[in-house]
């Protein structure tokens, strides 16, 4: 007659083990912005735009959609290049990260680039992609000044 008590105890023990073994994702630290950016760039390089969309938001999502529309998948001689993000460093403040790095262009010249990521739903996502010298890489404004409703263009011009 001790079976119901044992069953209830076993049930709670299994629940406790499951909670400890599979903690809530919100308690785990998100993947660092540097890793997210490298992963995202790898997807872009390989024309894996659905995977890149998972790590994109804001203007970067529009950028990925644009790249998808101009990619010629029917070209059998299509070359996949791998972009190395050299000297990658991200400055994080709150839910914003500015990542600066250097790539090489088609003729081997160094090209500085900047990408802004934003922490959304406990995950870093690529938010904006800039070209050489278009965004500041040394400071992030206090608070949510970087994303106050898409006013970055007005603030930095």
N, C-alpha and C. Protein backbone atom coordinates (compact mmCIF):
# COMPACT_ATOMS: atom_id res chain seq x y z
N UNK A 1 0.80 -1.19 0.00
CA UNK A 1 0.00 0.00 0.00
C UNK A 1 0.85 1.27 0.00
N UNK A 2 2.14 1.14 -0.03
CA UNK A 2 3.01 2.30 -0.07
C UNK A 2 3.34 2.73 -1.50
N UNK A 3 2.69 2.10 -2.45
CA UNK A 3 2.98 2.41 -3.85
C UNK A 3 2.58 3.82 -4.24
N UNK A 4 1.41 4.36 -3.84
CA UNK A 4 1.08 5.73 -4.24
C UNK A 4 2.09 6.75 -3.71
N UNK A 5 2.54 6.59 -2.50
CA UNK A 5 3.51 7.53 -1.94
C UNK A 5 4.84 7.42 -2.69
N UNK A 6 5.23 6.19 -3.03
CA UNK A 6 6.47 5.99 -3.77
C UNK A 6 6.35 6.58 -5.17
N UNK A 7 5.22 6.43 -5.81
CA UNK A 7 5.01 6.96 -7.16
C UNK A 7 5.08 8.49 -7.16
N UNK A 8 4.46 9.10 -6.16
CA UNK A 8 4.50 10.56 -6.07
C UNK A 8 5.93 11.03 -5.82
N UNK A 9 6.64 10.36 -4.96
CA UNK A 9 8.03 10.71 -4.68
C UNK A 9 8.90 10.53 -5.92
N UNK A 10 8.71 9.45 -6.65
CA UNK A 10 9.48 9.20 -7.87
C UNK A 10 9.17 10.26 -8.93
N UNK A 11 7.91 10.64 -9.05
CA UNK A 11 7.52 11.68 -10.01
C UNK A 11 8.24 12.99 -9.71
N UNK A 12 8.25 13.41 -8.46
CA UNK A 12 8.91 14.66 -8.09
C UNK A 12 10.42 14.57 -8.24
N UNK A 13 10.99 13.42 -8.02
CA UNK A 13 12.43 13.25 -8.20
C UNK A 13 12.80 13.39 -9.68
N UNK A 14 11.98 12.83 -10.56
CA UNK A 14 12.23 12.95 -12.00
C UNK A 14 12.09 14.40 -12.44
N UNK A 15 11.08 15.08 -11.92
CA UNK A 15 10.90 16.51 -12.26
C UNK A 15 12.09 17.33 -11.81
N UNK A 16 12.60 17.06 -10.62
CA UNK A 16 13.74 17.79 -10.10
C UNK A 16 14.98 17.55 -10.96
N UNK A 17 15.22 16.30 -11.34
CA UNK A 17 16.37 15.98 -12.19
C UNK A 17 16.23 16.67 -13.54
N UNK A 18 15.04 16.68 -14.11
CA UNK A 18 14.82 17.32 -15.41
C UNK A 18 15.07 18.82 -15.33
N UNK A 19 14.64 19.44 -14.24
CA UNK A 19 14.84 20.89 -14.09
C UNK A 19 16.31 21.24 -13.93
N UNK A 20 17.05 20.41 -13.22
CA UNK A 20 18.47 20.66 -13.01
C UNK A 20 19.24 20.36 -14.29
N UNK A 21 18.85 19.30 -14.98
CA UNK A 21 19.57 18.88 -16.18
C UNK A 21 19.29 19.79 -17.37
N UNK A 22 18.09 20.30 -17.49
CA UNK A 22 17.71 21.16 -18.60
C UNK A 22 17.21 22.49 -18.06
N UNK A 23 18.13 23.35 -17.61
CA UNK A 23 17.70 24.63 -17.03
C UNK A 23 17.09 25.53 -18.09
N UNK A 24 16.36 26.50 -17.62
CA UNK A 24 15.73 27.48 -18.49
C UNK A 24 16.79 28.21 -19.30
N UNK A 25 16.54 28.38 -20.61
CA UNK A 25 17.51 29.05 -21.48
C UNK A 25 17.78 30.48 -21.02
N UNK A 26 16.81 31.11 -20.40
CA UNK A 26 17.00 32.49 -19.95
C UNK A 26 18.07 32.58 -18.87
N UNK A 27 18.34 31.46 -18.17
CA UNK A 27 19.36 31.46 -17.14
C UNK A 27 20.75 31.26 -17.72
N UNK A 28 20.84 30.72 -18.94
CA UNK A 28 22.12 30.50 -19.57
C UNK A 28 22.58 31.78 -20.25
N UNK A 29 23.88 32.05 -20.23
CA UNK A 29 24.35 33.25 -20.92
C UNK A 29 24.19 33.08 -22.43
N UNK A 30 23.86 34.16 -23.13
CA UNK A 30 23.72 34.04 -24.59
C UNK A 30 25.09 33.84 -25.24
N UNK A 31 25.07 33.33 -26.46
CA UNK A 31 26.30 33.20 -27.23
C UNK A 31 26.91 34.59 -27.38
N UNK A 32 28.21 34.74 -27.21
CA UNK A 32 28.83 36.07 -27.31
C UNK A 32 28.59 36.69 -28.69
N UNK A 33 28.51 38.02 -28.77
CA UNK A 33 28.24 38.67 -30.05
C UNK A 33 29.30 38.34 -31.11
N UNK A 34 30.56 38.17 -30.69
CA UNK A 34 31.61 37.81 -31.66
C UNK A 34 31.29 36.48 -32.33
N UNK A 35 30.84 35.50 -31.55
CA UNK A 35 30.51 34.19 -32.10
C UNK A 35 29.30 34.26 -33.01
N UNK A 36 28.30 35.04 -32.61
CA UNK A 36 27.09 35.19 -33.43
C UNK A 36 27.45 35.83 -34.77
N UNK A 37 28.29 36.86 -34.73
CA UNK A 37 28.67 37.54 -35.97
C UNK A 37 29.44 36.60 -36.90
N UNK A 38 30.37 35.83 -36.37
CA UNK A 38 31.11 34.89 -37.21
C UNK A 38 30.20 33.82 -37.80
N UNK A 39 29.27 33.32 -37.00
CA UNK A 39 28.31 32.34 -37.48
C UNK A 39 27.45 32.93 -38.59
N UNK A 40 26.94 34.14 -38.35
CA UNK A 40 26.10 34.84 -39.32
C UNK A 40 26.86 35.06 -40.63
N UNK A 41 28.10 35.52 -40.54
CA UNK A 41 28.90 35.77 -41.74
C UNK A 41 29.14 34.47 -42.51
N UNK A 42 29.35 33.38 -41.80
CA UNK A 42 29.51 32.08 -42.46
C UNK A 42 28.28 31.68 -43.23
N UNK A 43 27.10 31.93 -42.65
CA UNK A 43 25.86 31.63 -43.37
C UNK A 43 25.72 32.50 -44.61
N UNK A 44 26.07 33.78 -44.50
CA UNK A 44 26.01 34.68 -45.65
C UNK A 44 26.97 34.20 -46.74
N UNK A 45 28.19 33.85 -46.35
CA UNK A 45 29.18 33.40 -47.32
C UNK A 45 28.71 32.18 -48.10
N UNK A 46 27.98 31.29 -47.44
CA UNK A 46 27.54 30.04 -48.07
C UNK A 46 26.14 30.15 -48.68
N UNK A 47 25.60 31.37 -48.72
CA UNK A 47 24.25 31.61 -49.26
C UNK A 47 23.18 30.84 -48.48
N UNK A 48 23.39 30.64 -47.20
CA UNK A 48 22.41 29.96 -46.33
C UNK A 48 21.58 31.05 -45.65
N UNK A 49 20.73 31.69 -46.44
CA UNK A 49 20.02 32.87 -45.96
C UNK A 49 18.95 32.55 -44.92
N UNK A 50 18.35 31.38 -44.98
CA UNK A 50 17.37 31.03 -43.94
C UNK A 50 18.06 30.94 -42.58
N UNK A 51 19.25 30.37 -42.55
CA UNK A 51 20.00 30.29 -41.29
C UNK A 51 20.47 31.67 -40.84
N UNK A 52 20.87 32.51 -41.80
CA UNK A 52 21.30 33.87 -41.45
C UNK A 52 20.13 34.68 -40.88
N UNK A 53 18.92 34.44 -41.39
CA UNK A 53 17.74 35.17 -40.89
C UNK A 53 17.49 34.89 -39.41
N UNK A 54 17.80 33.69 -38.96
CA UNK A 54 17.60 33.33 -37.55
C UNK A 54 18.44 34.23 -36.64
N UNK A 55 19.59 34.67 -37.14
CA UNK A 55 20.51 35.49 -36.36
C UNK A 55 20.46 36.95 -36.78
N UNK A 56 19.38 37.36 -37.45
CA UNK A 56 19.24 38.73 -37.95
C UNK A 56 17.99 39.38 -37.41
N UNK A 57 18.04 40.69 -37.33
CA UNK A 57 16.87 41.50 -36.95
C UNK A 57 17.09 42.89 -37.54
N UNK A 58 16.04 43.70 -37.53
CA UNK A 58 16.17 45.08 -37.99
C UNK A 58 16.63 45.17 -39.43
N UNK A 59 17.53 46.12 -39.69
CA UNK A 59 18.02 46.35 -41.04
C UNK A 59 18.83 45.17 -41.58
N UNK A 60 19.47 44.41 -40.71
CA UNK A 60 20.24 43.26 -41.17
C UNK A 60 19.33 42.20 -41.78
N UNK A 61 18.12 42.07 -41.26
CA UNK A 61 17.16 41.12 -41.83
C UNK A 61 16.78 41.56 -43.24
N UNK A 62 16.58 42.85 -43.44
CA UNK A 62 16.31 43.36 -44.78
C UNK A 62 17.50 43.12 -45.70
N UNK A 63 18.71 43.27 -45.18
CA UNK A 63 19.92 43.03 -45.96
C UNK A 63 20.00 41.57 -46.40
N UNK A 64 19.72 40.63 -45.51
CA UNK A 64 19.74 39.21 -45.84
C UNK A 64 18.69 38.91 -46.91
N UNK A 65 17.50 39.48 -46.76
CA UNK A 65 16.45 39.27 -47.76
C UNK A 65 16.87 39.80 -49.12
N UNK A 66 17.55 40.97 -49.14
CA UNK A 66 18.05 41.53 -50.39
C UNK A 66 19.07 40.59 -51.04
N UNK A 67 20.02 40.09 -50.23
CA UNK A 67 21.02 39.17 -50.78
C UNK A 67 20.37 37.93 -51.37
N UNK A 68 19.33 37.46 -50.73
CA UNK A 68 18.61 36.29 -51.24
C UNK A 68 18.04 36.56 -52.62
N UNK A 69 17.49 37.75 -52.81
CA UNK A 69 16.85 38.07 -54.10
C UNK A 69 17.86 38.23 -55.23
N UNK A 70 19.10 38.59 -54.94
CA UNK A 70 20.07 38.80 -56.01
C UNK A 70 21.00 37.61 -56.23
N UNK A 71 20.85 36.55 -55.45
CA UNK A 71 21.71 35.38 -55.59
C UNK A 71 21.22 34.52 -56.74
N UNK A 72 22.13 34.17 -57.64
CA UNK A 72 21.81 33.33 -58.79
C UNK A 72 22.16 31.88 -58.43
N UNK A 73 21.14 31.13 -58.00
CA UNK A 73 21.36 29.75 -57.59
C UNK A 73 21.53 28.81 -58.78
N UNK A 74 21.19 29.28 -59.99
CA UNK A 74 21.27 28.41 -61.16
C UNK A 74 22.67 28.37 -61.76
N UNK A 75 23.57 29.23 -61.31
CA UNK A 75 24.93 29.28 -61.84
C UNK A 75 25.75 28.12 -61.28
N UNK A 76 26.11 27.15 -62.14
CA UNK A 76 26.88 25.99 -61.64
C UNK A 76 28.31 26.35 -61.25
N UNK A 77 28.81 27.48 -61.75
CA UNK A 77 30.18 27.89 -61.45
C UNK A 77 30.24 28.89 -60.29
N UNK A 78 29.15 29.00 -59.56
CA UNK A 78 29.10 29.94 -58.44
C UNK A 78 30.18 29.59 -57.43
N UNK A 79 30.92 30.60 -57.03
CA UNK A 79 32.03 30.41 -56.09
C UNK A 79 31.59 30.87 -54.71
N UNK A 80 31.86 30.03 -53.72
CA UNK A 80 31.57 30.39 -52.34
C UNK A 80 32.87 30.84 -51.70
N UNK A 81 32.90 32.07 -51.24
CA UNK A 81 34.10 32.58 -50.58
C UNK A 81 33.87 32.63 -49.08
N UNK A 82 34.93 32.50 -48.35
CA UNK A 82 34.86 32.55 -46.90
C UNK A 82 35.46 33.88 -46.45
N UNK A 83 34.70 34.64 -45.69
CA UNK A 83 35.16 35.93 -45.19
C UNK A 83 35.78 35.74 -43.81
N UNK A 84 37.04 36.13 -43.69
CA UNK A 84 37.71 36.08 -42.39
C UNK A 84 37.52 37.43 -41.71
N UNK A 85 37.02 37.40 -40.50
CA UNK A 85 36.82 38.61 -39.71
C UNK A 85 38.04 38.78 -38.81
N UNK A 86 39.03 39.52 -39.30
CA UNK A 86 40.27 39.70 -38.54
C UNK A 86 40.11 40.83 -37.54
N UNK A 87 40.84 40.73 -36.47
CA UNK A 87 40.85 41.75 -35.41
C UNK A 87 39.43 42.06 -34.91
N UNK A 88 38.61 41.03 -34.83
CA UNK A 88 37.22 41.20 -34.40
C UNK A 88 37.17 41.53 -32.92
N UNK A 89 36.50 42.63 -32.61
CA UNK A 89 36.28 42.99 -31.20
C UNK A 89 34.92 43.65 -31.10
N UNK A 90 34.23 43.33 -30.03
CA UNK A 90 32.90 43.88 -29.80
C UNK A 90 32.87 44.64 -28.49
N UNK A 91 32.29 45.82 -28.55
CA UNK A 91 32.09 46.64 -27.36
C UNK A 91 30.63 46.48 -26.97
N UNK A 92 30.38 45.93 -25.80
CA UNK A 92 29.02 45.63 -25.35
C UNK A 92 28.64 46.58 -24.23
N UNK A 93 27.44 47.14 -24.35
CA UNK A 93 26.88 47.94 -23.28
C UNK A 93 25.38 47.66 -23.26
N UNK A 94 24.92 47.06 -22.18
CA UNK A 94 23.51 46.73 -22.09
C UNK A 94 23.10 45.74 -23.16
N UNK A 95 22.08 46.12 -23.95
CA UNK A 95 21.58 45.21 -24.99
C UNK A 95 22.12 45.56 -26.38
N UNK A 96 23.21 46.33 -26.43
CA UNK A 96 23.81 46.74 -27.70
C UNK A 96 25.26 46.30 -27.77
N UNK A 97 25.71 45.97 -28.98
CA UNK A 97 27.12 45.64 -29.20
C UNK A 97 27.55 46.21 -30.54
N UNK A 98 28.67 46.89 -30.54
CA UNK A 98 29.27 47.36 -31.79
C UNK A 98 30.50 46.50 -32.02
N UNK A 99 30.51 45.81 -33.14
CA UNK A 99 31.62 44.92 -33.47
C UNK A 99 32.39 45.49 -34.66
N UNK A 100 33.68 45.66 -34.48
CA UNK A 100 34.55 46.16 -35.54
C UNK A 100 35.51 45.04 -35.93
N UNK A 101 35.82 44.99 -37.22
CA UNK A 101 36.73 43.97 -37.72
C UNK A 101 37.30 44.44 -39.06
N UNK A 102 38.23 43.68 -39.58
CA UNK A 102 38.86 43.98 -40.86
C UNK A 102 38.72 42.77 -41.76
N UNK A 103 38.35 43.01 -43.02
CA UNK A 103 38.29 41.96 -44.03
C UNK A 103 39.20 42.37 -45.19
N UNK A 104 39.33 41.49 -46.16
CA UNK A 104 40.08 41.80 -47.38
C UNK A 104 39.09 41.89 -48.53
N UNK A 105 39.29 42.88 -49.40
CA UNK A 105 38.43 42.98 -50.57
C UNK A 105 38.99 42.10 -51.70
N UNK A 106 38.40 42.20 -52.88
CA UNK A 106 38.76 41.34 -54.00
C UNK A 106 40.21 41.49 -54.44
N UNK A 107 40.80 42.68 -54.21
CA UNK A 107 42.18 42.89 -54.64
C UNK A 107 43.17 42.80 -53.48
N UNK A 108 42.71 42.36 -52.33
CA UNK A 108 43.59 42.12 -51.20
C UNK A 108 43.80 43.30 -50.26
N UNK A 109 43.05 44.37 -50.45
CA UNK A 109 43.17 45.53 -49.57
C UNK A 109 42.38 45.30 -48.27
N UNK A 110 42.91 45.81 -47.16
CA UNK A 110 42.19 45.73 -45.90
C UNK A 110 40.99 46.66 -45.93
N UNK A 111 39.85 46.15 -45.47
CA UNK A 111 38.62 46.93 -45.43
C UNK A 111 38.06 46.85 -44.00
N UNK A 112 38.00 47.97 -43.28
CA UNK A 112 37.39 47.94 -41.95
C UNK A 112 35.86 47.92 -42.09
N UNK A 113 35.22 47.13 -41.28
CA UNK A 113 33.76 47.05 -41.28
C UNK A 113 33.26 47.10 -39.85
N UNK A 114 32.00 47.45 -39.74
CA UNK A 114 31.34 47.55 -38.43
C UNK A 114 29.96 46.93 -38.54
N UNK A 115 29.59 46.19 -37.52
CA UNK A 115 28.27 45.58 -37.43
C UNK A 115 27.73 45.87 -36.03
N UNK A 116 26.46 46.17 -35.97
CA UNK A 116 25.81 46.38 -34.67
C UNK A 116 24.89 45.20 -34.39
N UNK A 117 25.01 44.66 -33.20
CA UNK A 117 24.15 43.58 -32.75
C UNK A 117 23.29 44.07 -31.61
N UNK A 118 22.16 43.44 -31.44
CA UNK A 118 21.27 43.79 -30.35
C UNK A 118 20.78 42.52 -29.67
N UNK A 119 20.70 42.56 -28.37
CA UNK A 119 20.24 41.42 -27.58
C UNK A 119 18.72 41.43 -27.58
N UNK A 120 18.11 40.46 -28.24
CA UNK A 120 16.66 40.34 -28.27
C UNK A 120 16.29 38.91 -27.92
N UNK A 121 15.30 38.76 -27.06
CA UNK A 121 14.87 37.43 -26.60
C UNK A 121 16.03 36.59 -26.09
N UNK A 122 16.93 37.23 -25.34
CA UNK A 122 18.08 36.59 -24.71
C UNK A 122 19.05 36.00 -25.74
N UNK A 123 19.07 36.58 -26.97
CA UNK A 123 19.99 36.14 -28.02
C UNK A 123 20.53 37.36 -28.75
N UNK A 124 21.82 37.35 -29.04
CA UNK A 124 22.40 38.41 -29.86
C UNK A 124 21.99 38.19 -31.29
N UNK A 125 21.56 39.27 -31.95
CA UNK A 125 21.20 39.21 -33.36
C UNK A 125 21.87 40.36 -34.09
N UNK A 126 22.31 40.08 -35.31
CA UNK A 126 22.90 41.13 -36.13
C UNK A 126 21.80 42.11 -36.47
N UNK A 127 22.04 43.39 -36.18
CA UNK A 127 21.00 44.42 -36.33
C UNK A 127 21.25 45.33 -37.53
N UNK A 128 22.48 45.82 -37.64
CA UNK A 128 22.85 46.71 -38.75
C UNK A 128 24.23 46.34 -39.27
N UNK A 129 24.38 46.44 -40.58
CA UNK A 129 25.66 46.16 -41.23
C UNK A 129 26.13 47.47 -41.86
N UNK A 130 27.32 47.90 -41.49
CA UNK A 130 27.88 49.14 -42.01
C UNK A 130 29.09 48.84 -42.88
N UNK A 131 29.46 49.79 -43.70
CA UNK A 131 30.67 49.70 -44.49
C UNK A 131 31.79 50.44 -43.79
N UNK A 132 32.86 50.65 -44.51
CA UNK A 132 34.06 51.27 -43.95
C UNK A 132 33.76 52.66 -43.41
N UNK A 133 34.00 52.84 -42.12
CA UNK A 133 33.91 54.15 -41.50
C UNK A 133 32.52 54.72 -41.33
N UNK A 134 31.49 53.92 -41.48
CA UNK A 134 30.13 54.45 -41.39
C UNK A 134 29.59 54.56 -39.97
N UNK A 135 30.14 53.81 -39.03
CA UNK A 135 29.60 53.81 -37.67
C UNK A 135 30.74 53.98 -36.67
N UNK A 136 30.47 54.59 -35.53
CA UNK A 136 31.51 54.72 -34.52
C UNK A 136 31.84 53.37 -33.91
N UNK A 137 33.10 53.15 -33.62
CA UNK A 137 33.50 51.87 -33.03
C UNK A 137 34.14 52.04 -31.66
N UNK A 138 34.20 53.28 -31.16
CA UNK A 138 34.90 53.48 -29.91
C UNK A 138 33.99 53.63 -28.70
N UNK A 139 32.75 54.08 -28.90
CA UNK A 139 31.86 54.25 -27.76
C UNK A 139 30.44 53.87 -28.13
N UNK A 140 29.69 53.51 -27.13
CA UNK A 140 28.25 53.27 -27.26
C UNK A 140 27.57 54.29 -26.37
N UNK A 141 26.60 55.03 -26.89
CA UNK A 141 25.91 56.00 -26.04
C UNK A 141 25.23 55.33 -24.85
N UNK A 142 25.06 56.08 -23.77
CA UNK A 142 24.40 55.57 -22.58
C UNK A 142 22.95 55.22 -22.89
N UNK A 143 22.42 54.23 -22.18
CA UNK A 143 21.01 53.85 -22.31
C UNK A 143 20.71 53.24 -23.67
N UNK A 144 19.54 53.54 -24.17
CA UNK A 144 19.09 52.97 -25.43
C UNK A 144 19.25 53.97 -26.57
N UNK A 145 20.24 54.85 -26.45
CA UNK A 145 20.41 55.91 -27.44
C UNK A 145 20.76 55.36 -28.81
N UNK A 146 21.35 54.16 -28.86
CA UNK A 146 21.72 53.59 -30.14
C UNK A 146 20.50 53.08 -30.90
N UNK A 147 19.44 52.71 -30.19
CA UNK A 147 18.25 52.18 -30.82
C UNK A 147 16.99 52.88 -30.32
N UNK A 148 16.90 54.20 -30.40
CA UNK A 148 15.73 54.89 -29.87
C UNK A 148 14.55 54.94 -30.84
N UNK A 149 14.54 54.12 -31.84
CA UNK A 149 13.49 54.17 -32.84
C UNK A 149 14.10 54.49 -34.19
N UNK A 150 15.25 53.85 -34.45
CA UNK A 150 15.95 54.01 -35.72
C UNK A 150 16.38 55.44 -36.00
N UNK A 151 16.98 56.08 -35.02
CA UNK A 151 17.48 57.44 -35.22
C UNK A 151 19.00 57.48 -35.30
N UNK A 152 19.63 56.33 -35.53
CA UNK A 152 21.09 56.29 -35.58
C UNK A 152 21.61 57.19 -36.68
N UNK A 153 20.95 57.20 -37.83
CA UNK A 153 21.41 58.03 -38.94
C UNK A 153 21.48 59.50 -38.55
N UNK A 154 20.48 59.99 -37.84
CA UNK A 154 20.47 61.39 -37.44
C UNK A 154 21.52 61.68 -36.38
N UNK A 155 21.75 60.74 -35.47
CA UNK A 155 22.68 60.98 -34.37
C UNK A 155 24.12 61.06 -34.83
N UNK A 156 24.50 60.32 -35.85
CA UNK A 156 25.90 60.22 -36.23
C UNK A 156 26.24 60.99 -37.51
N UNK A 157 25.37 61.84 -37.96
CA UNK A 157 25.68 62.62 -39.15
C UNK A 157 25.98 64.05 -38.80
